[in-house]
Amino acid sequence: MSQEVVLTTSRAIDIAEGVEEVEEELQIKAWQHLIDTGCAWTLQGWFGRSAINLIEDGICTPTPNPPLPTVA
């Protein structure tokens, strides 16, 4: 991947769900985005479980100070 890709949360979710098929490097970047933004912990349960597995496997890294979810 030679060009820098900017991910929106919506696109990261689509990639994680398999709606948008991309190379493995971008899949990892999408999951890392969901972890870094805290979204992985607020979406359906399988997102959080998958994120934990990716962190435990050393593929993604935990966020030291994840943002707190906001209540609308």
PDB file of N, CA and C in Angstrom:
ATOM      1  N   MET A   1       0.857  -1.165   0.000  1.00  0.00           N
ATOM      2  CA  MET A   1       0.000   0.000   0.000  1.00  0.00           C
ATOM      3  C   MET A   1       0.901   1.225   0.000  1.00  0.00           C
ATOM      4  N   SER A   2       0.956   1.921  -1.106  1.00  0.00           N
ATOM      5  CA  SER A   2       1.884   3.026  -1.233  1.00  0.00           C
ATOM      6  C   SER A   2       1.271   4.356  -0.831  1.00  0.00           C
ATOM      7  N   GLN A   3      -0.017   4.479  -0.882  1.00  0.00           N
ATOM      8  CA  GLN A   3      -0.675   5.730  -0.580  1.00  0.00           C
ATOM      9  C   GLN A   3      -1.263   5.674   0.830  1.00  0.00           C
ATOM     10  N   GLU A   4      -1.151   6.788   1.574  1.00  0.00           N
ATOM     11  CA  GLU A   4      -1.714   6.868   2.913  1.00  0.00           C
ATOM     12  C   GLU A   4      -3.238   6.868   2.810  1.00  0.00           C
ATOM     13  N   VAL A   5      -3.868   5.987   3.574  1.00  0.00           N
ATOM     14  CA  VAL A   5      -5.312   5.863   3.553  1.00  0.00           C
ATOM     15  C   VAL A   5      -5.870   6.474   4.819  1.00  0.00           C
ATOM     16  N   VAL A   6      -6.844   7.363   4.655  1.00  0.00           N
ATOM     17  CA  VAL A   6      -7.514   7.951   5.804  1.00  0.00           C
ATOM     18  C   VAL A   6      -8.811   7.187   6.012  1.00  0.00           C
ATOM     19  N   LEU A   7      -8.971   6.669   7.212  1.00  0.00           N
ATOM     20  CA  LEU A   7     -10.161   5.883   7.519  1.00  0.00           C
ATOM     21  C   LEU A   7     -11.170   6.697   8.312  1.00  0.00           C
ATOM     22  N   THR A   8     -12.413   6.612   7.907  1.00  0.00           N
ATOM     23  CA  THR A   8     -13.488   7.115   8.750  1.00  0.00           C
ATOM     24  C   THR A   8     -13.952   5.934   9.591  1.00  0.00           C
ATOM     25  N   THR A   9     -14.643   6.203  10.653  1.00  0.00           N
ATOM     26  CA  THR A   9     -15.156   5.115  11.480  1.00  0.00           C
ATOM     27  C   THR A   9     -16.126   4.265  10.687  1.00  0.00           C
ATOM     28  N   SER A  10     -16.954   4.898   9.884  1.00  0.00           N
ATOM     29  CA  SER A  10     -17.916   4.158   9.062  1.00  0.00           C
ATOM     30  C   SER A  10     -17.210   3.195   8.105  1.00  0.00           C
ATOM     31  N   ARG A  11     -16.155   3.662   7.465  1.00  0.00           N
ATOM     32  CA  ARG A  11     -15.414   2.791   6.545  1.00  0.00           C
ATOM     33  C   ARG A  11     -14.708   1.679   7.301  1.00  0.00           C
ATOM     34  N   ALA A  12     -14.154   1.993   8.470  1.00  0.00           N
ATOM     35  CA  ALA A  12     -13.488   0.967   9.273  1.00  0.00           C
ATOM     36  C   ALA A  12     -14.477  -0.136   9.661  1.00  0.00           C
ATOM     37  N   ILE A  13     -15.700   0.247   9.991  1.00  0.00           N
ATOM     38  CA  ILE A  13     -16.730  -0.739  10.329  1.00  0.00           C
ATOM     39  C   ILE A  13     -17.042  -1.601   9.112  1.00  0.00           C
ATOM     40  N   ASP A  14     -17.210  -0.969   7.947  1.00  0.00           N
ATOM     41  CA  ASP A  14     -17.483  -1.731   6.722  1.00  0.00           C
ATOM     42  C   ASP A  14     -16.370  -2.731   6.435  1.00  0.00           C
ATOM     43  N   ILE A  15     -15.134  -2.317   6.636  1.00  0.00           N
ATOM     44  CA  ILE A  15     -13.998  -3.218   6.400  1.00  0.00           C
ATOM     45  C   ILE A  15     -14.023  -4.361   7.418  1.00  0.00           C
ATOM     46  N   ALA A  16     -14.244  -4.037   8.683  1.00  0.00           N
ATOM     47  CA  ALA A  16     -14.272  -5.072   9.728  1.00  0.00           C
ATOM     48  C   ALA A  16     -15.396  -6.078   9.482  1.00  0.00           C
ATOM     49  N   GLU A  17     -16.531  -5.597   8.988  1.00  0.00           N
ATOM     50  CA  GLU A  17     -17.665  -6.484   8.717  1.00  0.00           C
ATOM     51  C   GLU A  17     -17.505  -7.263   7.413  1.00  0.00           C
ATOM     52  N   GLY A  18     -16.527  -6.890   6.596  1.00  0.00           N
ATOM     53  CA  GLY A  18     -16.329  -7.572   5.328  1.00  0.00           C
ATOM     54  C   GLY A  18     -17.175  -7.006   4.205  1.00  0.00           C
ATOM     55  N   VAL A  19     -17.847  -5.875   4.438  1.00  0.00           N
ATOM     56  CA  VAL A  19     -18.645  -5.237   3.395  1.00  0.00           C
ATOM     57  C   VAL A  19     -17.732  -4.723   2.296  1.00  0.00           C
ATOM     58  N   GLU A  20     -16.585  -4.164   2.706  1.00  0.00           N
ATOM     59  CA  GLU A  20     -15.580  -3.684   1.755  1.00  0.00           C
ATOM     60  C   GLU A  20     -14.374  -4.614   1.848  1.00  0.00           C
ATOM     61  N   GLU A  21     -14.057  -5.267   0.751  1.00  0.00           N
ATOM     62  CA  GLU A  21     -12.915  -6.173   0.738  1.00  0.00           C
ATOM     63  C   GLU A  21     -11.644  -5.385   0.441  1.00  0.00           C
ATOM     64  N   VAL A  22     -10.659  -5.543   1.329  1.00  0.00           N
ATOM     65  CA  VAL A  22      -9.397  -4.821   1.195  1.00  0.00           C
ATOM     66  C   VAL A  22      -8.241  -5.759   1.528  1.00  0.00           C
ATOM     67  N   GLU A  23      -7.026  -5.278   1.304  1.00  0.00           N
ATOM     68  CA  GLU A  23      -5.838  -6.054   1.653  1.00  0.00           C
ATOM     69  C   GLU A  23      -5.725  -6.167   3.172  1.00  0.00           C
ATOM     70  N   GLU A  24      -4.987  -7.174   3.614  1.00  0.00           N
ATOM     71  CA  GLU A  24      -4.846  -7.450   5.042  1.00  0.00           C
ATOM     72  C   GLU A  24      -4.306  -6.246   5.820  1.00  0.00           C
ATOM     73  N   GLU A  25      -3.382  -5.532   5.232  1.00  0.00           N
ATOM     74  CA  GLU A  25      -2.789  -4.370   5.909  1.00  0.00           C
ATOM     75  C   GLU A  25      -3.859  -3.328   6.261  1.00  0.00           C
ATOM     76  N   LEU A  26      -4.799  -3.104   5.344  1.00  0.00           N
ATOM     77  CA  LEU A  26      -5.865  -2.134   5.598  1.00  0.00           C
ATOM     78  C   LEU A  26      -6.897  -2.699   6.575  1.00  0.00           C
ATOM     79  N   GLN A  27      -7.099  -4.016   6.558  1.00  0.00           N
ATOM     80  CA  GLN A  27      -7.988  -4.629   7.558  1.00  0.00           C
ATOM     81  C   GLN A  27      -7.450  -4.378   8.968  1.00  0.00           C
ATOM     82  N   ILE A  28      -6.157  -4.584   9.132  1.00  0.00           N
ATOM     83  CA  ILE A  28      -5.534  -4.364  10.442  1.00  0.00           C
ATOM     84  C   ILE A  28      -5.645  -2.892  10.834  1.00  0.00           C
ATOM     85  N   LYS A  29      -5.407  -2.010   9.877  1.00  0.00           N
ATOM     86  CA  LYS A  29      -5.508  -0.575  10.152  1.00  0.00           C
ATOM     87  C   LYS A  29      -6.941  -0.211  10.562  1.00  0.00           C
ATOM     88  N   ALA A  30      -7.920  -0.809   9.923  1.00  0.00           N
ATOM     89  CA  ALA A  30      -9.326  -0.539  10.264  1.00  0.00           C
ATOM     90  C   ALA A  30      -9.633  -0.997  11.685  1.00  0.00           C
ATOM     91  N   TRP A  31      -9.185  -2.195  12.058  1.00  0.00           N
ATOM     92  CA  TRP A  31      -9.408  -2.687  13.417  1.00  0.00           C
ATOM     93  C   TRP A  31      -8.686  -1.806  14.434  1.00  0.00           C
ATOM     94  N   GLN A  32      -7.476  -1.373  14.099  1.00  0.00           N
ATOM     95  CA  GLN A  32      -6.741  -0.506  15.017  1.00  0.00           C
ATOM     96  C   GLN A  32      -7.479   0.819  15.193  1.00  0.00           C
ATOM     97  N   HIS A  33      -8.068   1.312  14.139  1.00  0.00           N
ATOM     98  CA  HIS A  33      -8.865   2.540  14.213  1.00  0.00           C
ATOM     99  C   HIS A  33     -10.045   2.352  15.173  1.00  0.00           C
ATOM    100  N   LEU A  34     -10.735   1.229  15.050  1.00  0.00           N
ATOM    101  CA  LEU A  34     -11.883   0.968  15.928  1.00  0.00           C
ATOM    102  C   LEU A  34     -11.444   0.843  17.386  1.00  0.00           C
ATOM    103  N   ILE A  35     -10.285   0.274  17.608  1.00  0.00           N
ATOM    104  CA  ILE A  35      -9.745   0.160  18.977  1.00  0.00           C
ATOM    105  C   ILE A  35      -9.348   1.542  19.492  1.00  0.00           C
ATOM    106  N   ASP A  36      -8.604   2.295  18.686  1.00  0.00           N
ATOM    107  CA  ASP A  36      -8.103   3.607  19.111  1.00  0.00           C
ATOM    108  C   ASP A  36      -9.220   4.596  19.404  1.00  0.00           C
ATOM    109  N   THR A  37     -10.298   4.539  18.639  1.00  0.00           N
ATOM    110  CA  THR A  37     -11.409   5.472  18.841  1.00  0.00           C
ATOM    111  C   THR A  37     -12.365   5.008  19.928  1.00  0.00           C
ATOM    112  N   GLY A  38     -12.216   3.758  20.371  1.00  0.00           N
ATOM    113  CA  GLY A  38     -13.116   3.215  21.380  1.00  0.00           C
ATOM    114  C   GLY A  38     -14.378   2.612  20.794  1.00  0.00           C
ATOM    115  N   CYS A  39     -14.551   2.710  19.490  1.00  0.00           N
ATOM    116  CA  CYS A  39     -15.764   2.187  18.856  1.00  0.00           C
ATOM    117  C   CYS A  39     -15.887   0.668  18.973  1.00  0.00           C
ATOM    118  N   ALA A  40     -14.762  -0.018  18.996  1.00  0.00           N
ATOM    119  CA  ALA A  40     -14.805  -1.482  19.089  1.00  0.00           C
ATOM    120  C   ALA A  40     -15.548  -1.928  20.343  1.00  0.00           C
ATOM    121  N   TRP A  41     -15.545  -1.098  21.372  1.00  0.00           N
ATOM    122  CA  TRP A  41     -16.161  -1.468  22.653  1.00  0.00           C
ATOM    123  C   TRP A  41     -17.613  -1.038  22.753  1.00  0.00           C
ATOM    124  N   THR A  42     -18.098  -0.244  21.779  1.00  0.00           N
ATOM    125  CA  THR A  42     -19.474   0.247  21.855  1.00  0.00           C
ATOM    126  C   THR A  42     -20.378  -0.370  20.792  1.00  0.00           C
ATOM    127  N   LEU A  43     -19.792  -1.069  19.828  1.00  0.00           N
ATOM    128  CA  LEU A  43     -20.579  -1.714  18.778  1.00  0.00           C
ATOM    129  C   LEU A  43     -21.059  -3.081  19.263  1.00  0.00           C
ATOM    130  N   GLN A  44     -21.642  -3.863  18.381  1.00  0.00           N
ATOM    131  CA  GLN A  44     -22.090  -5.205  18.726  1.00  0.00           C
ATOM    132  C   GLN A  44     -20.957  -5.979  19.392  1.00  0.00           C
ATOM    133  N   GLY A  45     -21.317  -6.910  20.245  1.00  0.00           N
ATOM    134  CA  GLY A  45     -20.342  -7.634  21.048  1.00  0.00           C
ATOM    135  C   GLY A  45     -19.214  -8.291  20.292  1.00  0.00           C
ATOM    136  N   TRP A  46     -19.479  -8.787  19.090  1.00  0.00           N
ATOM    137  CA  TRP A  46     -18.417  -9.487  18.362  1.00  0.00           C
ATOM    138  C   TRP A  46     -17.286  -8.555  17.964  1.00  0.00           C
ATOM    139  N   PHE A  47     -17.565  -7.249  17.828  1.00  0.00           N
ATOM    140  CA  PHE A  47     -16.489  -6.300  17.525  1.00  0.00           C
ATOM    141  C   PHE A  47     -15.485  -6.278  18.672  1.00  0.00           C
ATOM    142  N   GLY A  48     -15.987  -6.144  19.884  1.00  0.00           N
ATOM    143  CA  GLY A  48     -15.104  -6.114  21.053  1.00  0.00           C
ATOM    144  C   GLY A  48     -14.341  -7.416  21.224  1.00  0.00           C
ATOM    145  N   ARG A  49     -15.048  -8.538  21.053  1.00  0.00           N
ATOM    146  CA  ARG A  49     -14.369  -9.838  21.192  1.00  0.00           C
ATOM    147  C   ARG A  49     -13.295 -10.014  20.127  1.00  0.00           C
ATOM    148  N   SER A  50     -13.593  -9.595  18.903  1.00  0.00           N
ATOM    149  CA  SER A  50     -12.599  -9.694  17.829  1.00  0.00           C
ATOM    150  C   SER A  50     -11.413  -8.778  18.113  1.00  0.00           C
ATOM    151  N   ALA A  51     -11.692  -7.578  18.603  1.00  0.00           N
ATOM    152  CA  ALA A  51     -10.615  -6.638  18.922  1.00  0.00           C
ATOM    153  C   ALA A  51      -9.716  -7.208  20.020  1.00  0.00           C
ATOM    154  N   ILE A  52     -10.309  -7.799  21.036  1.00  0.00           N
ATOM    155  CA  ILE A  52      -9.518  -8.419  22.116  1.00  0.00           C
ATOM    156  C   ILE A  52      -8.643  -9.528  21.549  1.00  0.00           C
ATOM    157  N   ASN A  53      -9.192 -10.353  20.682  1.00  0.00           N
ATOM    158  CA  ASN A  53      -8.405 -11.432  20.072  1.00  0.00           C
ATOM    159  C   ASN A  53      -7.235 -10.865  19.263  1.00  0.00           C
ATOM    160  N   LEU A  54      -7.465  -9.795  18.502  1.00  0.00           N
ATOM    161  CA  LEU A  54      -6.398  -9.190  17.708  1.00  0.00           C
ATOM    162  C   LEU A  54      -5.307  -8.610  18.611  1.00  0.00           C
ATOM    163  N   ILE A  55      -5.703  -8.038  19.734  1.00  0.00           N
ATOM    164  CA  ILE A  55      -4.722  -7.505  20.683  1.00  0.00           C
ATOM    165  C   ILE A  55      -3.943  -8.649  21.323  1.00  0.00           C
ATOM    166  N   GLU A  56      -4.646  -9.678  21.763  1.00  0.00           N
ATOM    167  CA  GLU A  56      -3.976 -10.822  22.397  1.00  0.00           C
ATOM    168  C   GLU A  56      -3.023 -11.526  21.437  1.00  0.00           C
ATOM    169  N   ASP A  57      -3.360 -11.537  20.147  1.00  0.00           N
ATOM    170  CA  ASP A  57      -2.504 -12.188  19.141  1.00  0.00           C
ATOM    171  C   ASP A  57      -1.352 -11.287  18.692  1.00  0.00           C
ATOM    172  N   GLY A  58      -1.299 -10.047  19.194  1.00  0.00           N
ATOM    173  CA  GLY A  58      -0.226  -9.131  18.848  1.00  0.00           C
ATOM    174  C   GLY A  58      -0.390  -8.464  17.492  1.00  0.00           C
ATOM    175  N   ILE A  59      -1.561  -8.573  16.902  1.00  0.00           N
ATOM    176  CA  ILE A  59      -1.808  -7.968  15.593  1.00  0.00           C
ATOM    177  C   ILE A  59      -2.136  -6.485  15.748  1.00  0.00           C
ATOM    178  N   CYS A  60      -2.911  -6.157  16.764  1.00  0.00           N
ATOM    179  CA  CYS A  60      -3.245  -4.772  17.090  1.00  0.00           C
ATOM    180  C   CYS A  60      -2.719  -4.466  18.492  1.00  0.00           C
ATOM    181  N   THR A  61      -2.682  -3.197  18.812  1.00  0.00           N
ATOM    182  CA  THR A  61      -2.198  -2.804  20.132  1.00  0.00           C
ATOM    183  C   THR A  61      -3.315  -2.106  20.897  1.00  0.00           C
ATOM    184  N   PRO A  62      -3.336  -2.285  22.217  1.00  0.00           N
ATOM    185  CA  PRO A  62      -4.360  -1.593  23.013  1.00  0.00           C
ATOM    186  C   PRO A  62      -4.074  -0.096  23.039  1.00  0.00           C
ATOM    187  N   THR A  63      -5.098   0.670  23.229  1.00  0.00           N
ATOM    188  CA  THR A  63      -4.961   2.119  23.349  1.00  0.00           C
ATOM    189  C   THR A  63      -4.752   2.453  24.802  1.00  0.00           C
ATOM    190  N   PRO A  64      -3.666   3.166  25.154  1.00  0.00           N
ATOM    191  CA  PRO A  64      -3.388   3.455  26.554  1.00  0.00           C
ATOM    192  C   PRO A  64      -4.508   4.222  27.255  1.00  0.00           C
ATOM    193  N   ASN A  65      -5.062   5.220  26.601  1.00  0.00           N
ATOM    194  CA  ASN A  65      -6.145   6.036  27.178  1.00  0.00           C
ATOM    195  C   ASN A  65      -7.284   6.158  26.184  1.00  0.00           C
ATOM    196  N   PRO A  66      -8.086   5.090  26.050  1.00  0.00           N
ATOM    197  CA  PRO A  66      -9.157   5.154  25.059  1.00  0.00           C
ATOM    198  C   PRO A  66     -10.171   6.231  25.449  1.00  0.00           C
ATOM    199  N   PRO A  67     -10.795   6.853  24.454  1.00  0.00           N
ATOM    200  CA  PRO A  67     -11.804   7.862  24.758  1.00  0.00           C
ATOM    201  C   PRO A  67     -13.006   7.221  25.445  1.00  0.00           C
ATOM    202  N   LEU A  68     -13.592   7.951  26.356  1.00  0.00           N
ATOM    203  CA  LEU A  68     -14.790   7.460  27.037  1.00  0.00           C
ATOM    204  C   LEU A  68     -15.993   7.621  26.111  1.00  0.00           C
ATOM    205  N   PRO A  69     -16.893   6.626  26.115  1.00  0.00           N
ATOM    206  CA  PRO A  69     -18.086   6.775  25.278  1.00  0.00           C
ATOM    207  C   PRO A  69     -18.951   7.931  25.769  1.00  0.00           C
ATOM    208  N   THR A  70     -19.595   8.591  24.835  1.00  0.00           N
ATOM    209  CA  THR A  70     -20.491   9.675  25.212  1.00  0.00           C
ATOM    210  C   THR A  70     -21.921   9.211  25.143  1.00  0.00           C
ATOM    211  N   VAL A  71     -22.752   9.788  25.981  1.00  0.00           N
ATOM    212  CA  VAL A  71     -24.169   9.444  25.987  1.00  0.00           C
ATOM    213  C   VAL A  71     -24.914  10.611  25.361  1.00  0.00           C
ATOM    214  N   ALA A  72     -25.690  10.306  24.340  1.00  0.00           N
ATOM    215  CA  ALA A  72     -26.417  11.377  23.647  1.00  0.00           C
ATOM    216  C   ALA A  72     -27.725  11.687  24.338  1.00  0.00           C
TER     217      ALA A  72
END
